Amino acid sequence: MLNGFKQKTIVKTGGVVEICSPELPAGATVEVIVLIESTQQQPQKPLTSFIGAAKGTFTTPQEVDNFVRQERDTWES
């Protein structure tokens, strides 16, 4: 059976990470996964900023309307 716990710690000089817990029995084999928190926060873009930004997409409702009208005109010819 696999048991686990989560603990935050500070990396010491030389890249040393120390984990202390009474839940860790002496002599046990453990697997340690280190996740580094990003110090830089990436700018958040609202999803609406992607509307019309991709190649071949329409930027305004008027462009969509014009395209549909042109397509309908080709059907009638």
Protein backbone atom coordinates (compact mmCIF):
# COMPACT_ATOMS: atom_id res chain seq x y z
CA MET A 1 0.00 0.00 0.00
CA LEU A 2 1.23 3.48 -0.86
CA ASN A 3 0.94 6.25 1.73
CA GLY A 4 2.01 9.83 1.31
CA PHE A 5 2.13 13.25 2.81
CA LYS A 6 2.83 16.74 1.57
CA GLN A 7 5.26 19.14 3.18
CA LYS A 8 6.68 22.50 2.12
CA THR A 9 10.29 23.31 2.83
CA ILE A 10 12.99 25.78 1.81
CA VAL A 11 15.94 24.72 -0.32
CA LYS A 12 19.14 25.23 1.62
CA THR A 13 22.54 26.29 0.30
CA GLY A 14 23.88 23.79 -2.19
CA GLY A 15 20.41 22.65 -3.25
CA VAL A 16 19.82 20.63 -0.08
CA VAL A 17 16.21 19.77 0.77
CA GLU A 18 15.43 18.40 4.22
CA ILE A 19 12.22 16.57 5.09
CA CYS A 20 11.45 15.66 8.70
CA SER A 21 8.31 13.82 9.75
CA PRO A 22 7.37 11.27 12.41
CA GLU A 23 5.35 9.57 9.62
CA LEU A 24 8.64 8.44 8.04
CA PRO A 25 9.78 5.20 9.67
CA ALA A 26 13.54 4.68 9.94
CA GLY A 27 14.91 2.42 7.22
CA ALA A 28 11.86 2.76 4.94
CA THR A 29 12.34 3.15 1.21
CA VAL A 30 10.65 6.35 -0.04
CA GLU A 31 10.27 8.17 -3.31
CA VAL A 32 10.72 11.94 -3.25
CA ILE A 33 9.24 14.24 -5.89
CA VAL A 34 10.29 17.89 -5.79
CA LEU A 35 8.01 20.51 -7.35
CA ILE A 36 9.48 24.00 -7.59
CA GLU A 37 7.07 26.90 -7.17
CA SER A 38 7.46 29.51 -9.87
CA THR A 39 8.54 32.91 -8.60
CA GLN A 40 7.33 34.63 -11.76
CA GLN A 41 3.63 34.97 -12.26
CA GLN A 42 2.58 34.58 -15.87
CA PRO A 43 0.17 37.22 -17.11
CA GLN A 44 -3.39 35.99 -17.27
CA LYS A 45 -5.10 36.58 -20.61
CA PRO A 46 -8.87 36.47 -20.67
CA LEU A 47 -10.24 33.82 -23.03
CA THR A 48 -12.07 36.50 -24.99
CA SER A 49 -8.68 37.88 -26.10
CA PHE A 50 -8.28 34.79 -28.31
CA ILE A 51 -11.44 35.48 -30.33
CA GLY A 52 -10.44 36.29 -33.88
CA ALA A 53 -6.73 35.94 -33.11
CA ALA A 54 -6.09 32.70 -35.01
CA LYS A 55 -5.31 32.55 -38.71
CA GLY A 56 -8.44 32.36 -40.82
CA THR A 57 -10.86 33.46 -38.11
CA PHE A 58 -13.23 36.40 -38.12
CA THR A 59 -12.59 39.41 -35.90
CA THR A 60 -16.07 40.94 -36.06
CA PRO A 61 -19.64 39.72 -36.51
CA GLN A 62 -19.80 41.86 -39.67
CA GLU A 63 -16.96 39.85 -41.23
CA VAL A 64 -18.88 36.64 -40.53
CA ASP A 65 -22.04 38.08 -42.05
CA ASN A 66 -20.18 39.22 -45.18
CA PHE A 67 -18.55 35.79 -45.59
CA VAL A 68 -21.88 33.96 -45.24
CA ARG A 69 -23.54 36.29 -47.74
CA GLN A 70 -20.73 35.70 -50.27
CA GLU A 71 -21.06 31.95 -49.82
CA ARG A 72 -24.83 32.09 -50.34
CA ASP A 73 -24.33 34.17 -53.48
CA THR A 74 -22.06 31.47 -54.96
CA TRP A 75 -24.77 28.83 -54.33
CA GLU A 76 -27.34 30.79 -56.34
CA SER A 77 -25.07 31.29 -59.36
